[in-house]
């Protein structure tokens, strides 16, 4: 076996597009499979948008996302537009916003999130039907990755402004179906890579706006390689064969 290809930094790069594809397929299925109708029931996207984005934290009893964490989650969006959207969702009674900018779900927002979890349960069961063993295997592997990532963050110290620490661990009430576990664990792991990417482009002297406009070429390639290096830590929790199995399982899922 060519273990060079299975090194943590290499797998971090290979898994990223596969994880993106599967996660986006699940979220799209959720939107088309009842999520859009559910949002309308609660006032539409203007009322529910950030609840969907922050669902795995705000669905938890007492779950909160602080101001720096929210800024990290939305680092590629216009902060003025984000504030206006938040104002609307607070006005709709879906979110509470503390004087320090900390966000939490209102009672109505929590009810929306409980229904959204059910929508995601239904659509992922259909989307990934016939892949039960594969899904269960990925859920277990991702659980180990996220647990180790949290240990690493704790050891390094969190100075704030991390999307991953704002969103991890995902809320997983007893009885959460495997499809929802997979969807939400993938989403949370993507935030770990997003932080690594932000650290890489910041070290290269970029801003969120300038890196988004950066064309393909040596500079972008260097940032991606540095992202892989920074995102590699959690993959030490898996053996080389387990890393390859995770990649193969993601590639085999429809969506």
C-alpha atoms as a PDB file:
ATOM      1  CA  UNK A   1       0.000   0.000   0.000  1.00  0.00           C
ATOM      2  CA  UNK A   2       1.275   3.466  -0.896  1.00  0.00           C
ATOM      3  CA  UNK A   3       1.104   5.087   2.502  1.00  0.00           C
ATOM      4  CA  UNK A   4       2.456   8.384   1.154  1.00  0.00           C
ATOM      5  CA  UNK A   5      -0.921   8.946  -0.523  1.00  0.00           C
ATOM      6  CA  UNK A   6      -2.643   8.281   2.788  1.00  0.00           C
ATOM      7  CA  UNK A   7      -0.734  10.803   4.901  1.00  0.00           C
ATOM      8  CA  UNK A   8      -3.059  13.059   6.930  1.00  0.00           C
ATOM      9  CA  UNK A   9      -2.338  16.192   4.898  1.00  0.00           C
ATOM     10  CA  UNK A  10      -2.927  14.307   1.661  1.00  0.00           C
ATOM     11  CA  UNK A  11      -6.214  12.817   2.833  1.00  0.00           C
ATOM     12  CA  UNK A  12      -7.315  16.230   4.114  1.00  0.00           C
ATOM     13  CA  UNK A  13      -7.044  17.532   0.556  1.00  0.00           C
ATOM     14  CA  UNK A  14      -8.646  14.509  -1.085  1.00  0.00           C
ATOM     15  CA  UNK A  15     -11.567  14.323   1.323  1.00  0.00           C
ATOM     16  CA  UNK A  16     -12.527  17.986   1.105  1.00  0.00           C
ATOM     17  CA  UNK A  17     -14.277  17.915  -2.302  1.00  0.00           C
ATOM     18  CA  UNK A  18     -15.876  14.548  -1.540  1.00  0.00           C
ATOM     19  CA  UNK A  19     -17.221  15.819   1.773  1.00  0.00           C
ATOM     20  CA  UNK A  20     -18.467  18.992   0.085  1.00  0.00           C
ATOM     21  CA  UNK A  21     -20.348  17.000  -2.552  1.00  0.00           C
ATOM     22  CA  UNK A  22     -22.082  14.690  -0.092  1.00  0.00           C
ATOM     23  CA  UNK A  23     -22.933  17.481   2.349  1.00  0.00           C
ATOM     24  CA  UNK A  24     -24.357  19.728  -0.356  1.00  0.00           C
ATOM     25  CA  UNK A  25     -26.390  16.861  -1.779  1.00  0.00           C
ATOM     26  CA  UNK A  26     -27.941  16.250   1.631  1.00  0.00           C
ATOM     27  CA  UNK A  27     -28.707  19.923   2.217  1.00  0.00           C
ATOM     28  CA  UNK A  28     -30.168  20.339  -1.272  1.00  0.00           C
ATOM     29  CA  UNK A  29     -32.344  17.274  -0.747  1.00  0.00           C
ATOM     30  CA  UNK A  30     -33.500  18.804   2.531  1.00  0.00           C
ATOM     31  CA  UNK A  31     -34.447  22.067   0.842  1.00  0.00           C
ATOM     32  CA  UNK A  32     -36.282  20.364  -2.008  1.00  0.00           C
ATOM     33  CA  UNK A  33     -37.736  17.613   0.152  1.00  0.00           C
ATOM     34  CA  UNK A  34     -39.695  19.774   2.549  1.00  0.00           C
ATOM     35  CA  UNK A  35     -37.245  22.309   3.913  1.00  0.00           C
ATOM     36  CA  UNK A  36     -38.442  25.143   1.686  1.00  0.00           C
ATOM     37  CA  UNK A  37     -42.077  24.468   2.595  1.00  0.00           C
ATOM     38  CA  UNK A  38     -41.132  24.289   6.273  1.00  0.00           C
ATOM     39  CA  UNK A  39     -39.321  27.631   6.050  1.00  0.00           C
ATOM     40  CA  UNK A  40     -42.416  29.243   4.551  1.00  0.00           C
ATOM     41  CA  UNK A  41     -44.463  27.983   7.492  1.00  0.00           C
ATOM     42  CA  UNK A  42     -42.189  30.015   9.791  1.00  0.00           C
ATOM     43  CA  UNK A  43     -41.923  33.154   7.676  1.00  0.00           C
ATOM     44  CA  UNK A  44     -39.656  32.162   4.810  1.00  0.00           C
ATOM     45  CA  UNK A  45     -35.922  32.387   4.344  1.00  0.00           C
ATOM     46  CA  UNK A  46     -35.889  35.900   5.798  1.00  0.00           C
ATOM     47  CA  UNK A  47     -37.007  34.395   9.102  1.00  0.00           C
ATOM     48  CA  UNK A  48     -35.104  31.118   9.097  1.00  0.00           C
ATOM     49  CA  UNK A  49     -31.900  31.510   7.066  1.00  0.00           C
ATOM     50  CA  UNK A  50     -29.272  31.616   9.793  1.00  0.00           C
ATOM     51  CA  UNK A  51     -31.133  29.047  11.872  1.00  0.00           C
ATOM     52  CA  UNK A  52     -30.468  26.551   9.090  1.00  0.00           C
ATOM     53  CA  UNK A  53     -26.783  27.505   8.974  1.00  0.00           C
ATOM     54  CA  UNK A  54     -26.387  27.339  12.756  1.00  0.00           C
ATOM     55  CA  UNK A  55     -28.812  24.456  13.353  1.00  0.00           C
ATOM     56  CA  UNK A  56     -26.336  22.001  14.874  1.00  0.00           C
ATOM     57  CA  UNK A  57     -25.539  24.420  17.717  1.00  0.00           C
ATOM     58  CA  UNK A  58     -28.739  26.371  18.168  1.00  0.00           C
ATOM     59  CA  UNK A  59     -30.926  23.244  18.206  1.00  0.00           C
ATOM     60  CA  UNK A  60     -29.174  22.144  21.403  1.00  0.00           C
ATOM     61  CA  UNK A  61     -30.882  23.147  24.655  1.00  0.00           C
ATOM     62  CA  UNK A  62     -29.111  26.343  25.696  1.00  0.00           C
ATOM     63  CA  UNK A  63     -27.091  26.301  22.489  1.00  0.00           C
ATOM     64  CA  UNK A  64     -25.419  29.598  21.606  1.00  0.00           C
ATOM     65  CA  UNK A  65     -23.112  31.041  18.964  1.00  0.00           C
ATOM     66  CA  UNK A  66     -21.115  34.079  20.039  1.00  0.00           C
ATOM     67  CA  UNK A  67     -20.333  37.097  17.894  1.00  0.00           C
ATOM     68  CA  UNK A  68     -16.801  36.076  16.866  1.00  0.00           C
ATOM     69  CA  UNK A  69     -18.018  32.566  16.068  1.00  0.00           C
ATOM     70  CA  UNK A  70     -20.820  33.916  13.884  1.00  0.00           C
ATOM     71  CA  UNK A  71     -18.353  36.196  12.099  1.00  0.00           C
ATOM     72  CA  UNK A  72     -16.150  33.182  11.383  1.00  0.00           C
ATOM     73  CA  UNK A  73     -19.055  31.099  10.065  1.00  0.00           C
ATOM     74  CA  UNK A  74     -20.051  33.953   7.740  1.00  0.00           C
ATOM     75  CA  UNK A  75     -16.545  35.225   6.934  1.00  0.00           C
ATOM     76  CA  UNK A  76     -17.181  35.206   3.166  1.00  0.00           C
ATOM     77  CA  UNK A  77     -20.454  37.130   3.416  1.00  0.00           C
ATOM     78  CA  UNK A  78     -21.040  40.884   3.630  1.00  0.00           C
ATOM     79  CA  UNK A  79     -21.150  41.685   7.368  1.00  0.00           C
ATOM     80  CA  UNK A  80     -23.635  44.519   6.837  1.00  0.00           C
ATOM     81  CA  UNK A  81     -25.980  42.204   4.932  1.00  0.00           C
ATOM     82  CA  UNK A  82     -25.572  39.575   7.653  1.00  0.00           C
ATOM     83  CA  UNK A  83     -26.513  42.069  10.353  1.00  0.00           C
ATOM     84  CA  UNK A  84     -29.594  43.139   8.444  1.00  0.00           C
ATOM     85  CA  UNK A  85     -30.622  39.511   7.968  1.00  0.00           C
ATOM     86  CA  UNK A  86     -30.116  38.866  11.676  1.00  0.00           C
ATOM     87  CA  UNK A  87     -32.215  41.917  12.504  1.00  0.00           C
ATOM     88  CA  UNK A  88     -35.072  40.438  10.476  1.00  0.00           C
ATOM     89  CA  UNK A  89     -34.787  37.018  12.095  1.00  0.00           C
ATOM     90  CA  UNK A  90     -34.779  38.580  15.554  1.00  0.00           C
ATOM     91  CA  UNK A  91     -37.816  40.650  14.553  1.00  0.00           C
ATOM     92  CA  UNK A  92     -39.576  37.500  13.337  1.00  0.00           C
ATOM     93  CA  UNK A  93     -39.055  36.028  16.792  1.00  0.00           C
ATOM     94  CA  UNK A  94     -36.877  33.165  15.562  1.00  0.00           C
ATOM     95  CA  UNK A  95     -33.580  34.252  17.143  1.00  0.00           C
ATOM     96  CA  UNK A  96     -32.534  35.949  20.336  1.00  0.00           C
ATOM     97  CA  UNK A  97     -29.485  38.226  20.162  1.00  0.00           C
ATOM     98  CA  UNK A  98     -27.770  39.248  23.361  1.00  0.00           C
ATOM     99  CA  UNK A  99     -26.202  42.629  23.968  1.00  0.00           C
ATOM    100  CA  UNK A 100     -22.811  41.016  23.292  1.00  0.00           C
ATOM    101  CA  UNK A 101     -24.006  39.632  19.962  1.00  0.00           C
ATOM    102  CA  UNK A 102     -24.491  36.065  21.179  1.00  0.00           C
ATOM    103  CA  UNK A 103     -27.211  34.234  19.248  1.00  0.00           C
ATOM    104  CA  UNK A 104     -29.652  31.613  20.493  1.00  0.00           C
ATOM    105  CA  UNK A 105     -32.872  30.139  19.152  1.00  0.00           C
ATOM    106  CA  UNK A 106     -36.175  31.410  20.472  1.00  0.00           C
ATOM    107  CA  UNK A 107     -38.877  28.911  21.415  1.00  0.00           C
ATOM    108  CA  UNK A 108     -40.306  29.324  17.927  1.00  0.00           C
ATOM    109  CA  UNK A 109     -36.849  28.961  16.397  1.00  0.00           C
ATOM    110  CA  UNK A 110     -36.249  25.767  18.377  1.00  0.00           C
ATOM    111  CA  UNK A 111     -39.555  24.368  17.103  1.00  0.00           C
ATOM    112  CA  UNK A 112     -38.460  25.113  13.527  1.00  0.00           C
ATOM    113  CA  UNK A 113     -35.135  23.362  14.100  1.00  0.00           C
ATOM    114  CA  UNK A 114     -36.813  20.262  15.546  1.00  0.00           C
ATOM    115  CA  UNK A 115     -38.951  20.035  12.408  1.00  0.00           C
ATOM    116  CA  UNK A 116     -35.909  20.669  10.208  1.00  0.00           C
ATOM    117  CA  UNK A 117     -34.071  17.756  11.825  1.00  0.00           C
ATOM    118  CA  UNK A 118     -37.056  15.559  10.909  1.00  0.00           C
ATOM    119  CA  UNK A 119     -36.994  16.796   7.314  1.00  0.00           C
ATOM    120  CA  UNK A 120     -33.303  15.932   7.112  1.00  0.00           C
ATOM    121  CA  UNK A 121     -34.009  12.509   8.613  1.00  0.00           C
ATOM    122  CA  UNK A 122     -36.595  11.782   5.933  1.00  0.00           C
ATOM    123  CA  UNK A 123     -34.601  13.005   2.956  1.00  0.00           C
ATOM    124  CA  UNK A 124     -31.285  11.420   3.911  1.00  0.00           C
ATOM    125  CA  UNK A 125     -33.000   8.091   4.504  1.00  0.00           C
ATOM    126  CA  UNK A 126     -34.271   8.248   0.929  1.00  0.00           C
ATOM    127  CA  UNK A 127     -31.151   9.773  -0.611  1.00  0.00           C
ATOM    128  CA  UNK A 128     -28.791   7.205   0.884  1.00  0.00           C
ATOM    129  CA  UNK A 129     -31.124   4.196   0.908  1.00  0.00           C
ATOM    130  CA  UNK A 130     -29.253   0.930   0.474  1.00  0.00           C
ATOM    131  CA  UNK A 131     -26.050   2.384   1.933  1.00  0.00           C
ATOM    132  CA  UNK A 132     -26.819   1.771   5.613  1.00  0.00           C
ATOM    133  CA  UNK A 133     -23.550  -0.005   6.404  1.00  0.00           C
ATOM    134  CA  UNK A 134     -21.505   2.600   4.557  1.00  0.00           C
ATOM    135  CA  UNK A 135     -23.300   5.479   6.296  1.00  0.00           C
ATOM    136  CA  UNK A 136     -22.839   3.887   9.724  1.00  0.00           C
ATOM    137  CA  UNK A 137     -19.136   3.361   9.044  1.00  0.00           C
ATOM    138  CA  UNK A 138     -18.693   7.000   8.030  1.00  0.00           C
ATOM    139  CA  UNK A 139     -20.655   8.250  11.037  1.00  0.00           C
ATOM    140  CA  UNK A 140     -18.267   6.360  13.318  1.00  0.00           C
ATOM    141  CA  UNK A 141     -15.147   7.606  11.523  1.00  0.00           C
ATOM    142  CA  UNK A 142     -16.357  11.212  11.476  1.00  0.00           C
ATOM    143  CA  UNK A 143     -17.193  10.995  15.172  1.00  0.00           C
ATOM    144  CA  UNK A 144     -13.596  10.072  15.903  1.00  0.00           C
ATOM    145  CA  UNK A 145     -12.301  12.868  13.669  1.00  0.00           C
ATOM    146  CA  UNK A 146     -14.472  15.489  15.353  1.00  0.00           C
ATOM    147  CA  UNK A 147     -13.607  14.296  18.854  1.00  0.00           C
ATOM    148  CA  UNK A 148      -9.900  14.454  18.089  1.00  0.00           C
ATOM    149  CA  UNK A 149     -10.272  17.852  16.419  1.00  0.00           C
ATOM    150  CA  UNK A 150     -11.893  19.191  19.588  1.00  0.00           C
ATOM    151  CA  UNK A 151      -9.007  17.797  21.664  1.00  0.00           C
ATOM    152  CA  UNK A 152      -6.481  19.482  19.384  1.00  0.00           C
ATOM    153  CA  UNK A 153      -8.314  22.815  19.559  1.00  0.00           C
ATOM    154  CA  UNK A 154      -8.448  22.544  23.352  1.00  0.00           C
ATOM    155  CA  UNK A 155      -4.718  21.819  23.520  1.00  0.00           C
ATOM    156  CA  UNK A 156      -3.869  24.704  21.204  1.00  0.00           C
ATOM    157  CA  UNK A 157      -6.233  27.115  22.941  1.00  0.00           C
ATOM    158  CA  UNK A 158      -9.089  28.899  21.206  1.00  0.00           C
ATOM    159  CA  UNK A 159      -8.631  32.630  20.959  1.00  0.00           C
ATOM    160  CA  UNK A 160     -12.135  33.047  19.523  1.00  0.00           C
ATOM    161  CA  UNK A 161     -13.266  33.590  15.987  1.00  0.00           C
ATOM    162  CA  UNK A 162     -13.240  29.905  15.053  1.00  0.00           C
ATOM    163  CA  UNK A 163     -16.134  28.566  12.987  1.00  0.00           C
ATOM    164  CA  UNK A 164     -15.371  25.037  14.146  1.00  0.00           C
ATOM    165  CA  UNK A 165     -15.458  25.774  17.858  1.00  0.00           C
ATOM    166  CA  UNK A 166     -18.624  27.821  17.324  1.00  0.00           C
ATOM    167  CA  UNK A 167     -20.357  24.839  15.716  1.00  0.00           C
ATOM    168  CA  UNK A 168     -18.795  21.775  17.346  1.00  0.00           C
ATOM    169  CA  UNK A 169     -19.827  19.369  18.599  1.00  0.00           C
ATOM    170  CA  UNK A 170     -23.016  19.036  16.549  1.00  0.00           C
ATOM    171  CA  UNK A 171     -26.217  18.532  18.522  1.00  0.00           C
ATOM    172  CA  UNK A 172     -27.165  14.853  18.350  1.00  0.00           C
ATOM    173  CA  UNK A 173     -30.183  14.025  20.530  1.00  0.00           C
ATOM    174  CA  UNK A 174     -30.833  10.381  21.381  1.00  0.00           C
ATOM    175  CA  UNK A 175     -32.318   8.548  18.431  1.00  0.00           C
ATOM    176  CA  UNK A 176     -30.854  10.852  15.769  1.00  0.00           C
ATOM    177  CA  UNK A 177     -30.882   8.804  12.531  1.00  0.00           C
ATOM    178  CA  UNK A 178     -27.586   7.895  10.904  1.00  0.00           C
ATOM    179  CA  UNK A 179     -28.292  10.036   7.848  1.00  0.00           C
ATOM    180  CA  UNK A 180     -28.678  13.157   9.992  1.00  0.00           C
ATOM    181  CA  UNK A 181     -25.563  12.261  11.965  1.00  0.00           C
ATOM    182  CA  UNK A 182     -23.619  11.940   8.721  1.00  0.00           C
ATOM    183  CA  UNK A 183     -24.955  15.202   7.294  1.00  0.00           C
ATOM    184  CA  UNK A 184     -24.246  17.225  10.423  1.00  0.00           C
ATOM    185  CA  UNK A 185     -20.868  15.670  11.206  1.00  0.00           C
ATOM    186  CA  UNK A 186     -19.734  16.377   7.649  1.00  0.00           C
ATOM    187  CA  UNK A 187     -20.959  19.958   7.980  1.00  0.00           C
ATOM    188  CA  UNK A 188     -19.082  20.451  11.227  1.00  0.00           C
ATOM    189  CA  UNK A 189     -15.875  18.947   9.835  1.00  0.00           C
ATOM    190  CA  UNK A 190     -16.118  21.357   6.903  1.00  0.00           C
ATOM    191  CA  UNK A 191     -15.906  24.222   9.398  1.00  0.00           C
ATOM    192  CA  UNK A 192     -12.621  22.804  10.685  1.00  0.00           C
ATOM    193  CA  UNK A 193     -11.221  22.980   7.169  1.00  0.00           C
ATOM    194  CA  UNK A 194     -12.731  26.441   6.674  1.00  0.00           C
ATOM    195  CA  UNK A 195     -10.749  27.693   9.674  1.00  0.00           C
ATOM    196  CA  UNK A 196      -7.601  26.074   8.293  1.00  0.00           C
ATOM    197  CA  UNK A 197      -8.200  27.751   4.945  1.00  0.00           C
ATOM    198  CA  UNK A 198      -8.758  31.136   6.586  1.00  0.00           C
ATOM    199  CA  UNK A 199      -5.529  30.774   8.559  1.00  0.00           C
ATOM    200  CA  UNK A 200      -3.666  29.837   5.373  1.00  0.00           C
ATOM    201  CA  UNK A 201      -4.862  32.781   3.302  1.00  0.00           C
ATOM    202  CA  UNK A 202      -4.424  35.205   6.184  1.00  0.00           C
ATOM    203  CA  UNK A 203      -0.816  34.032   6.578  1.00  0.00           C
ATOM    204  CA  UNK A 204      -0.348  34.727   2.867  1.00  0.00           C
ATOM    205  CA  UNK A 205      -1.552  38.302   3.346  1.00  0.00           C
ATOM    206  CA  UNK A 206      -5.065  37.890   1.966  1.00  0.00           C
ATOM    207  CA  UNK A 207      -8.505  38.886   3.134  1.00  0.00           C
ATOM    208  CA  UNK A 208     -11.710  36.918   2.582  1.00  0.00           C
ATOM    209  CA  UNK A 209     -12.494  39.156  -0.391  1.00  0.00           C
ATOM    210  CA  UNK A 210      -9.058  39.010  -1.984  1.00  0.00           C
ATOM    211  CA  UNK A 211      -8.678  35.256  -1.703  1.00  0.00           C
ATOM    212  CA  UNK A 212     -12.122  34.738  -3.214  1.00  0.00           C
ATOM    213  CA  UNK A 213     -10.962  36.739  -6.238  1.00  0.00           C
ATOM    214  CA  UNK A 214      -7.601  34.960  -6.484  1.00  0.00           C
ATOM    215  CA  UNK A 215      -7.317  33.172  -9.848  1.00  0.00           C
ATOM    216  CA  UNK A 216      -5.945  29.645 -10.243  1.00  0.00           C
ATOM    217  CA  UNK A 217      -2.170  29.590 -10.162  1.00  0.00           C
ATOM    218  CA  UNK A 218       0.858  29.029  -7.943  1.00  0.00           C
ATOM    219  CA  UNK A 219      -0.320  31.344  -5.157  1.00  0.00           C
ATOM    220  CA  UNK A 220      -3.721  29.660  -4.837  1.00  0.00           C
ATOM    221  CA  UNK A 221      -2.068  26.244  -5.008  1.00  0.00           C
ATOM    222  CA  UNK A 222       0.288  27.205  -2.190  1.00  0.00           C
ATOM    223  CA  UNK A 223      -2.655  28.340  -0.042  1.00  0.00           C
ATOM    224  CA  UNK A 224      -4.479  25.066  -0.682  1.00  0.00           C
ATOM    225  CA  UNK A 225      -1.402  23.052   0.281  1.00  0.00           C
ATOM    226  CA  UNK A 226      -1.051  25.072   3.475  1.00  0.00           C
ATOM    227  CA  UNK A 227      -4.761  24.549   4.143  1.00  0.00           C
ATOM    228  CA  UNK A 228      -4.265  20.794   3.854  1.00  0.00           C
ATOM    229  CA  UNK A 229      -1.364  20.956   6.290  1.00  0.00           C
ATOM    230  CA  UNK A 230      -3.367  22.939   8.833  1.00  0.00           C
ATOM    231  CA  UNK A 231      -6.448  20.733   8.388  1.00  0.00           C
ATOM    232  CA  UNK A 232      -4.529  17.458   8.700  1.00  0.00           C
ATOM    233  CA  UNK A 233      -4.418  17.119  12.499  1.00  0.00           C
ATOM    234  CA  UNK A 234      -7.679  15.227  13.124  1.00  0.00           C
ATOM    235  CA  UNK A 235      -6.872  12.580  10.504  1.00  0.00           C
ATOM    236  CA  UNK A 236      -4.186  11.192  12.777  1.00  0.00           C
ATOM    237  CA  UNK A 237      -7.116   9.679  14.688  1.00  0.00           C
ATOM    238  CA  UNK A 238      -7.650   7.239  11.796  1.00  0.00           C
ATOM    239  CA  UNK A 239      -5.297   4.621  10.455  1.00  0.00           C
ATOM    240  CA  UNK A 240      -4.149   4.864   6.845  1.00  0.00           C
ATOM    241  CA  UNK A 241      -6.581   2.172   5.702  1.00  0.00           C
ATOM    242  CA  UNK A 242      -9.443   3.842   7.588  1.00  0.00           C
ATOM    243  CA  UNK A 243      -8.699   7.135   5.838  1.00  0.00           C
ATOM    244  CA  UNK A 244      -8.861   5.442   2.458  1.00  0.00           C
ATOM    245  CA  UNK A 245     -12.080   3.652   3.406  1.00  0.00           C
ATOM    246  CA  UNK A 246     -13.666   6.962   4.415  1.00  0.00           C
ATOM    247  CA  UNK A 247     -12.699   8.486   1.086  1.00  0.00           C
ATOM    248  CA  UNK A 248     -14.070   5.487  -0.829  1.00  0.00           C
ATOM    249  CA  UNK A 249     -17.304   5.521   1.165  1.00  0.00           C
ATOM    250  CA  UNK A 250     -17.865   9.215   0.461  1.00  0.00           C
ATOM    251  CA  UNK A 251     -17.197   8.668  -3.223  1.00  0.00           C
ATOM    252  CA  UNK A 252     -19.719   5.811  -3.327  1.00  0.00           C
ATOM    253  CA  UNK A 253     -22.631   7.772  -1.838  1.00  0.00           C
ATOM    254  CA  UNK A 254     -25.186   9.119  -4.341  1.00  0.00           C
ATOM    255  CA  UNK A 255     -25.923  12.788  -4.569  1.00  0.00           C
END
